[in-house]
Amino acid sequence: MPSKKRRPTIRAAPKPTMDEILASRERLNRASTNFLKIDIETALTFLRAARQTTDATRRRRNQAAALRAFNTVTKLMERVNLSHEDVRTIVLGLEQLRSELEELGEVL
């Protein structure tokens, strides 16, 4: 007698609890906060590289990358629920970034 192949049973994933949803939201917010801080540090690194190179193409490319990061952080920080300390850290980083970009001739 030929054996019949069984179809796998499809089971729905259990719905997350409210605590799981809130924990997930908090993890996303922490990751977003860290992204903003890292993006500022990366932009400052690009600016240091722009100031140190004698190659005009590299200078423009690094400066443009720093400017993109500045604009990204400025736009995205409104979407993240930041603590007072995180706001202070990010705003200070943005002020430093703005100052250094302006020193290199950017108009912000």
Protein backbone atom coordinates (compact mmCIF):
# COMPACT_ATOMS: atom_id res chain seq x y z
CA MET A 1 0.00 0.00 0.00
CA PRO A 2 1.54 3.36 -1.02
CA SER A 3 2.19 5.77 1.80
CA LYS A 4 0.61 9.16 1.65
CA LYS A 5 2.81 12.11 2.37
CA ARG A 6 1.46 14.34 5.06
CA ARG A 7 1.36 18.04 4.58
CA PRO A 8 3.11 19.95 7.29
CA THR A 9 0.76 21.55 9.76
CA ILE A 10 0.93 25.31 9.58
CA ARG A 11 0.67 26.97 12.93
CA ALA A 12 0.35 30.67 13.49
CA ALA A 13 2.94 32.29 15.68
CA PRO A 14 1.60 33.31 19.06
CA LYS A 15 0.66 36.97 19.30
CA PRO A 16 3.11 39.03 21.30
CA THR A 17 2.05 40.29 24.69
CA MET A 18 1.90 43.98 25.50
CA ASP A 19 5.06 43.61 27.60
CA GLU A 20 6.87 42.06 24.64
CA ILE A 21 5.71 44.88 22.35
CA LEU A 22 6.88 47.52 24.83
CA ALA A 23 10.22 45.76 25.32
CA SER A 24 10.67 45.59 21.55
CA ARG A 25 9.87 49.29 21.23
CA GLU A 26 12.43 50.10 23.94
CA ARG A 27 15.12 48.02 22.18
CA LEU A 28 14.38 49.83 18.91
CA ASN A 29 14.62 53.20 20.65
CA ARG A 30 17.97 52.28 22.27
CA ALA A 31 19.32 51.10 18.92
CA SER A 32 18.12 54.29 17.23
CA THR A 33 19.76 56.43 19.92
CA ASN A 34 23.03 54.55 19.50
CA PHE A 35 22.80 54.97 15.72
CA LEU A 36 22.51 58.75 16.08
CA LYS A 37 25.52 58.92 18.40
CA ILE A 38 27.62 56.69 16.15
CA ASP A 39 26.61 58.65 13.06
CA ILE A 40 27.87 61.87 14.68
CA GLU A 41 31.18 60.23 15.61
CA THR A 42 31.53 58.85 12.09
CA ALA A 43 30.84 62.29 10.60
CA LEU A 44 33.52 63.84 12.83
CA THR A 45 35.93 61.15 11.64
CA PHE A 46 35.11 62.03 8.02
CA LEU A 47 35.84 65.68 8.78
CA ARG A 48 39.21 64.84 10.36
CA ALA A 49 40.06 62.85 7.23
CA ALA A 50 38.91 65.74 5.02
CA ARG A 51 41.17 68.18 6.88
CA GLN A 52 44.21 65.89 6.74
CA THR A 53 44.19 64.94 3.06
CA THR A 54 45.84 66.89 0.28
CA ASP A 55 43.66 65.18 -2.34
CA ALA A 56 40.83 67.58 -3.25
CA THR A 57 38.53 64.74 -4.39
CA ARG A 58 38.90 62.91 -1.10
CA ARG A 59 38.38 66.12 0.83
CA ARG A 60 35.11 66.85 -0.98
CA ARG A 61 33.92 63.25 -0.64
CA ASN A 62 34.62 63.11 3.11
CA GLN A 63 33.11 66.52 3.68
CA ALA A 64 29.98 65.51 1.76
CA ALA A 65 29.67 62.32 3.83
CA ALA A 66 29.90 64.35 7.04
CA LEU A 67 27.24 66.76 5.77
CA ARG A 68 24.92 63.86 4.91
CA ALA A 69 25.39 62.46 8.41
CA PHE A 70 24.64 65.87 9.94
CA ASN A 71 21.42 66.15 7.93
CA THR A 72 20.42 62.56 8.74
CA VAL A 73 20.91 62.95 12.49
CA THR A 74 19.11 66.29 12.50
CA LYS A 75 16.12 64.77 10.73
CA LEU A 76 15.97 61.44 12.57
CA MET A 77 16.49 62.66 16.12
CA GLU A 78 12.91 63.99 16.15
CA ARG A 79 11.63 60.43 15.66
CA VAL A 80 13.52 58.95 18.62
CA ASN A 81 12.43 59.22 22.23
CA LEU A 82 15.65 60.55 23.75
CA SER A 83 16.52 60.94 27.42
CA HIS A 84 17.71 64.36 28.60
CA GLU A 85 21.28 63.06 28.71
CA ASP A 86 21.02 61.65 25.17
CA VAL A 87 19.58 64.93 23.89
CA ARG A 88 22.47 66.79 25.50
CA THR A 89 25.07 64.43 24.02
CA ILE A 90 23.56 64.52 20.53
CA VAL A 91 23.04 68.29 20.51
CA LEU A 92 26.64 68.89 21.61
CA GLY A 93 27.84 66.53 18.89
CA LEU A 94 25.72 68.30 16.28
CA GLU A 95 27.03 71.70 17.40
CA GLN A 96 30.61 70.49 17.05
CA LEU A 97 29.81 68.94 13.68
CA ARG A 98 28.11 72.14 12.48
CA SER A 99 31.05 74.26 13.60
CA GLU A 100 33.59 72.05 11.84
CA LEU A 101 31.51 71.88 8.67
CA GLU A 102 31.24 75.67 8.62
CA GLU A 103 35.02 75.96 9.10
CA LEU A 104 35.39 73.92 5.91
CA GLY A 105 33.05 76.28 4.04
CA GLU A 106 29.68 74.57 4.34
CA VAL A 107 26.68 76.89 4.68
CA LEU A 108 24.15 75.36 7.08
